[in-house]
Amino acid sequence: MLRSMLWKLSRKKTGISKWLRNGASRYLDYYNDFCYDFDRNGESVVIERLSRSSLRTIFDVGANIGEWSKMCAVAFPGSIIHSFELSERTRIALKKNLANPRFIVPEFALGSKNGEFLYKDYGDQSPINTLVETTFHDAKRPFTMRTAKIITGDSYLASQNIAQIDLLKIDVEGAEYQVLEGFRGALKDHKIRIIQFEYGYANGDAGHLMKDFYTLLQESEYEIGKIWTAGVRFSQFEYRMNNFDSGPNYLAVAKSDRTLIDLLRSST
């Protein structure tokens, strides 16, 4: 009887039916920890748990002005943090915020190829700057096409003689998969212990779904899961994960590192 009543009510697209739909949508966002605040989406929980381990080399790809980098600096006092930013203007602010020898801010960003590439610069809305040139979900906002120097992660590791990355965080507005492609050598050689990456509408604009991330990372023998405020729920891929409300952040840990996987696993 209740199902029949709800079905009939849902046929109307106005009034209480629309109100219930909007309310249910907001509730699902809250339930799924879908937000971009470190303390509300589980990112700070991951860092707190990882702080019990010794992480020495950390990459913040898409650092913006460095808030995540600074959080890691506190959690891992013996670490060196490499913070990459696409926009030259934003990079100036990043360097000011990270004025400490423990931070390295290169004069380029990371991607799938070496060279000079166009990107969309949103000015004061720098957190949404993107290399995605196709239709972008934030394209109604004004932007300017600019050029940035890009190199692959593998090239950077070789140039700096870095043997291992303990934690690689990628938040680059749709170009997350491209950044991972630039680390194919490191992935193949198991040089990256933990990878955090964002997944949302911008990845669809770039033509990459969650299935692609799972395929790439499982080939390199990682366990993958969504970050929640109670920890990470490691799981096999399901097609429903291709939707863009399934993030915003996922974590991949080398399968061989069972201690870290158990440390990070969700308690609920």
Protein backbone atom coordinates (compact mmCIF):
# COMPACT_ATOMS: atom_id res chain seq x y z
CA MET A 1 0.00 0.00 0.00
CA LEU A 2 2.81 2.42 0.91
CA ARG A 3 4.65 1.62 -2.32
CA SER A 4 1.50 2.29 -4.32
CA MET A 5 0.96 5.62 -2.55
CA LEU A 6 4.55 6.72 -3.12
CA TRP A 7 4.35 5.70 -6.78
CA LYS A 8 1.25 7.79 -7.32
CA LEU A 9 2.76 10.75 -5.47
CA SER A 10 5.93 10.53 -7.55
CA ARG A 11 3.90 10.95 -10.78
CA LYS A 12 3.48 14.61 -9.87
CA LYS A 13 6.52 16.78 -10.46
CA THR A 14 5.45 19.79 -8.41
CA GLY A 15 4.41 20.60 -4.87
CA ILE A 16 5.13 18.07 -2.14
CA SER A 17 6.46 15.57 -4.69
CA LYS A 18 9.17 17.97 -5.83
CA TRP A 19 9.92 18.93 -2.21
CA LEU A 20 10.39 15.26 -1.26
CA ARG A 21 12.62 14.68 -4.29
CA ASN A 22 14.88 17.62 -3.43
CA GLY A 23 15.00 16.63 0.22
CA ALA A 24 15.86 13.02 -0.63
CA SER A 25 18.62 14.18 -2.96
CA ARG A 26 20.18 16.35 -0.24
CA TYR A 27 19.88 13.52 2.27
CA LEU A 28 21.72 11.14 -0.08
CA ASP A 29 24.52 13.69 -0.46
CA TYR A 30 24.85 13.85 3.31
CA TYR A 31 24.62 10.05 3.66
CA ASN A 32 27.29 9.55 1.00
CA ASP A 33 29.65 12.10 2.64
CA PHE A 34 29.52 14.01 -0.65
CA CYS A 35 31.24 17.33 -0.01
CA TYR A 36 34.64 18.95 -0.45
CA ASP A 37 35.43 19.79 3.17
CA PHE A 38 38.35 17.70 4.52
CA ASP A 39 36.63 17.25 7.88
CA ARG A 40 33.27 16.23 6.42
CA ASN A 41 34.18 13.94 3.53
CA GLY A 42 36.65 11.63 5.25
CA GLU A 43 39.93 13.06 3.92
CA SER A 44 41.10 14.19 7.36
CA VAL A 45 40.18 10.75 8.76
CA VAL A 46 42.44 9.10 6.19
CA ILE A 47 45.32 11.44 7.04
CA GLU A 48 44.83 10.89 10.79
CA ARG A 49 44.99 7.13 10.37
CA LEU A 50 47.97 7.29 8.03
CA SER A 51 49.77 9.49 10.55
CA ARG A 52 50.36 6.29 12.54
CA SER A 53 52.59 5.12 9.69
CA SER A 54 55.84 6.59 8.42
CA LEU A 55 55.17 8.44 5.16
CA ARG A 56 58.15 10.39 3.89
CA THR A 57 57.45 11.33 0.26
CA ILE A 58 54.08 12.91 -0.53
CA PHE A 59 52.79 14.33 -3.83
CA ASP A 60 49.94 16.86 -3.87
CA VAL A 61 48.93 17.08 -7.54
CA GLY A 62 46.48 19.94 -7.96
CA ALA A 63 47.55 21.64 -4.75
CA ASN A 64 45.80 24.98 -5.40
CA ILE A 65 46.96 27.17 -2.47
CA GLY A 66 48.26 24.26 -0.37
CA GLU A 67 45.71 23.51 2.34
CA TRP A 68 45.95 19.71 1.89
CA SER A 69 49.75 19.95 1.73
CA LYS A 70 49.83 21.82 5.04
CA MET A 71 47.53 19.24 6.66
CA CYS A 72 49.98 16.52 5.59
CA ALA A 73 52.95 18.49 6.88
CA VAL A 74 51.43 18.46 10.37
CA ALA A 75 50.44 14.78 10.21
CA PHE A 76 53.79 13.60 8.82
CA PRO A 77 56.49 15.79 10.39
CA GLY A 78 59.34 13.89 8.72
CA SER A 79 57.94 14.14 5.20
CA ILE A 80 58.89 16.07 2.07
CA ILE A 81 55.85 17.26 0.12
CA HIS A 82 55.92 17.96 -3.62
CA SER A 83 53.03 20.30 -4.46
CA PHE A 84 52.05 20.77 -8.12
CA GLU A 85 49.80 23.50 -9.50
CA LEU A 86 48.62 24.21 -13.04
CA SER A 87 48.16 27.99 -12.88
CA GLU A 88 51.21 30.25 -12.62
CA ARG A 89 49.14 32.84 -10.74
CA THR A 90 47.91 30.28 -8.21
CA ARG A 91 51.41 28.85 -7.93
CA ILE A 92 52.65 32.20 -6.62
CA ALA A 93 50.12 32.03 -3.78
CA LEU A 94 50.99 28.37 -3.22
CA LYS A 95 54.66 29.18 -2.77
CA LYS A 96 53.84 31.90 -0.24
CA ASN A 97 51.65 29.52 1.77
CA LEU A 98 54.27 26.76 1.64
CA ALA A 99 57.36 28.84 2.41
CA ASN A 100 59.25 26.04 4.12
CA PRO A 101 62.11 23.78 2.91
CA ARG A 102 59.88 20.75 3.47
CA PHE A 103 57.73 21.82 0.51
CA ILE A 104 58.83 21.60 -3.11
CA VAL A 105 56.73 23.54 -5.64
CA PRO A 106 57.85 22.81 -9.24
CA GLU A 107 57.27 25.28 -12.07
CA PHE A 108 54.98 22.88 -13.93
CA ALA A 109 52.04 20.53 -13.49
CA LEU A 110 51.71 16.78 -14.06
CA GLY A 111 49.85 15.02 -16.85
CA SER A 112 49.98 12.19 -19.37
CA LYS A 113 52.56 13.78 -21.71
CA ASN A 114 55.48 16.20 -21.65
CA GLY A 115 54.97 19.57 -23.34
CA GLU A 116 53.05 22.84 -23.37
CA PHE A 117 49.27 22.44 -23.18
CA LEU A 118 46.23 24.71 -23.12
CA TYR A 119 44.04 24.79 -20.04
CA LYS A 120 40.97 26.69 -18.87
CA ASP A 121 41.87 29.32 -16.27
CA TYR A 122 38.90 30.48 -14.18
CA GLY A 123 40.73 33.36 -12.52
CA ASP A 124 39.59 33.84 -8.93
CA GLN A 125 37.84 30.45 -9.14
CA SER A 126 41.22 28.73 -9.43
CA PRO A 127 40.10 25.45 -7.75
CA ILE A 128 38.21 24.58 -10.96
CA ASN A 129 41.04 25.34 -13.43
CA THR A 130 41.23 22.36 -15.77
CA LEU A 131 43.07 20.73 -18.67
CA VAL A 132 39.73 19.34 -19.88
CA GLU A 133 39.05 21.21 -23.12
CA THR A 134 35.82 19.40 -24.03
CA THR A 135 32.41 20.47 -22.70
CA PHE A 136 32.99 21.17 -19.02
CA HIS A 137 30.34 21.19 -16.30
CA ASP A 138 31.53 24.61 -15.11
CA ALA A 139 31.90 26.08 -18.61
CA LYS A 140 29.16 28.68 -18.00
CA ARG A 141 31.60 30.49 -15.74
CA PRO A 142 33.98 32.86 -17.56
CA PHE A 143 37.43 31.46 -18.27
CA THR A 144 40.57 32.28 -20.25
CA MET A 145 42.58 29.77 -22.26
CA ARG A 146 46.19 29.77 -21.06
CA THR A 147 49.25 27.59 -21.59
CA ALA A 148 51.00 25.52 -18.94
CA LYS A 149 54.07 23.32 -18.92
CA ILE A 150 53.18 19.69 -18.22
CA ILE A 151 55.42 16.69 -17.61
CA THR A 152 54.66 13.09 -16.68
CA GLY A 153 55.02 11.80 -13.17
CA ASP A 154 57.50 9.20 -14.39
CA SER A 155 59.67 11.96 -15.89
CA TYR A 156 59.60 13.89 -12.62
CA LEU A 157 60.52 10.84 -10.54
CA ALA A 158 63.48 10.15 -12.82
CA SER A 159 64.68 13.78 -12.75
CA GLN A 160 64.54 13.91 -8.95
CA ASN A 161 65.83 10.38 -8.40
CA ILE A 162 62.78 9.52 -6.27
CA ALA A 163 62.50 5.77 -5.63
CA GLN A 164 59.05 5.72 -4.03
CA ILE A 165 55.98 7.87 -3.40
CA ASP A 166 54.26 7.03 -0.13
CA LEU A 167 51.11 9.07 -0.81
CA LEU A 168 49.99 10.50 -4.15
CA LYS A 169 46.93 12.76 -4.03
CA ILE A 170 45.34 13.87 -7.33
CA ASP A 171 42.68 16.59 -7.52
CA VAL A 172 42.89 18.14 -11.00
CA GLU A 173 39.31 18.77 -12.14
CA GLY A 174 38.81 15.93 -14.58
CA ALA A 175 42.44 15.19 -15.54
CA GLU A 176 42.97 12.63 -12.76
CA TYR A 177 43.17 9.73 -15.19
CA GLN A 178 45.69 11.59 -17.36
CA VAL A 179 47.91 12.17 -14.31
CA LEU A 180 47.76 8.45 -13.50
CA GLU A 181 48.70 7.64 -17.10
CA GLY A 182 51.81 9.73 -16.59
CA PHE A 183 52.76 7.41 -13.72
CA ARG A 184 52.34 4.16 -15.68
CA GLY A 185 55.98 3.23 -15.17
CA ALA A 186 55.79 3.88 -11.42
CA LEU A 187 52.54 1.92 -11.19
CA LYS A 188 54.01 -1.01 -13.07
CA ASP A 189 57.09 -1.02 -10.83
CA HIS A 190 55.01 -0.64 -7.63
CA LYS A 191 56.64 2.63 -6.66
CA ILE A 192 53.46 4.25 -5.26
CA ARG A 193 52.02 2.96 -1.99
CA ILE A 194 48.82 4.98 -1.69
CA ILE A 195 46.82 6.97 -4.25
CA GLN A 196 43.96 9.33 -3.49
CA PHE A 197 42.01 10.65 -6.47
CA GLU A 198 38.90 12.72 -6.98
CA TYR A 199 36.02 11.49 -9.15
CA GLY A 200 33.11 13.61 -10.38
CA TYR A 201 31.41 15.28 -13.32
CA ALA A 202 34.68 16.62 -14.73
CA ASN A 203 35.93 13.06 -15.24
CA GLY A 204 32.91 12.37 -17.41
CA ASP A 205 33.69 15.52 -19.40
CA ALA A 206 37.19 14.10 -19.94
CA GLY A 207 35.74 10.77 -21.09
CA HIS A 208 36.80 8.63 -18.13
CA LEU A 209 34.46 6.72 -15.83
CA MET A 210 35.15 4.91 -12.58
CA LYS A 211 35.45 1.68 -14.55
CA ASP A 212 38.57 3.10 -16.25
CA PHE A 213 40.20 3.95 -12.92
CA TYR A 214 39.48 0.48 -11.54
CA THR A 215 40.86 -1.19 -14.67
CA LEU A 216 44.10 0.82 -14.61
CA LEU A 217 44.70 0.44 -10.88
CA GLN A 218 43.70 -3.21 -10.59
CA GLU A 219 46.15 -4.02 -13.39
CA SER A 220 48.80 -2.59 -11.06
CA GLU A 221 47.49 -4.64 -8.12
CA TYR A 222 45.74 -2.03 -5.97
CA GLU A 223 42.76 -2.35 -3.65
CA ILE A 224 40.35 0.53 -4.31
CA GLY A 225 37.58 2.06 -2.25
CA LYS A 226 35.55 5.16 -1.56
CA ILE A 227 36.62 7.43 1.30
CA TRP A 228 33.96 7.84 3.99
CA THR A 229 34.09 9.60 7.35
CA ALA A 230 34.33 6.14 8.94
CA GLY A 231 37.27 5.12 6.75
CA VAL A 232 37.69 3.53 3.32
CA ARG A 233 35.22 0.96 1.98
CA PHE A 234 37.37 -1.17 -0.29
CA SER A 235 35.30 -2.97 -2.91
CA GLN A 236 35.22 -4.50 -6.35
CA PHE A 237 33.90 -2.37 -9.20
CA GLU A 238 30.14 -2.11 -9.72
CA TYR A 239 28.58 -0.27 -12.65
CA ARG A 240 26.62 2.04 -10.36
CA MET A 241 29.99 3.53 -9.37
CA ASN A 242 30.15 5.20 -12.80
CA ASN A 243 27.62 7.77 -11.58
CA PHE A 244 29.04 11.09 -10.48
CA ASP A 245 27.54 11.09 -6.99
CA SER A 246 29.75 8.20 -5.92
CA GLY A 247 32.72 10.30 -4.82
CA PRO A 248 34.15 12.71 -4.37
CA ASN A 249 37.33 10.89 -3.26
CA TYR A 250 38.66 7.37 -3.67
CA LEU A 251 41.72 5.66 -2.30
CA ALA A 252 43.91 2.95 -3.81
CA VAL A 253 46.42 0.99 -1.74
CA ALA A 254 48.90 -1.61 -2.97
CA LYS A 255 47.36 -5.05 -2.34
CA SER A 256 50.59 -6.24 -0.77
CA ASP A 257 50.31 -3.60 1.98
CA ARG A 258 47.72 -5.41 4.12
CA THR A 259 48.66 -3.45 7.25
CA LEU A 260 47.73 -0.14 5.59
CA ILE A 261 44.54 -1.58 4.10
CA ASP A 262 43.41 -2.81 7.52
CA LEU A 263 44.35 0.52 9.09
CA LEU A 264 42.26 2.47 6.58
CA ARG A 265 39.30 0.13 6.26
CA SER A 266 35.91 1.57 7.22
CA SER A 267 34.69 0.70 10.70
CA THR A 268 31.04 0.54 9.51
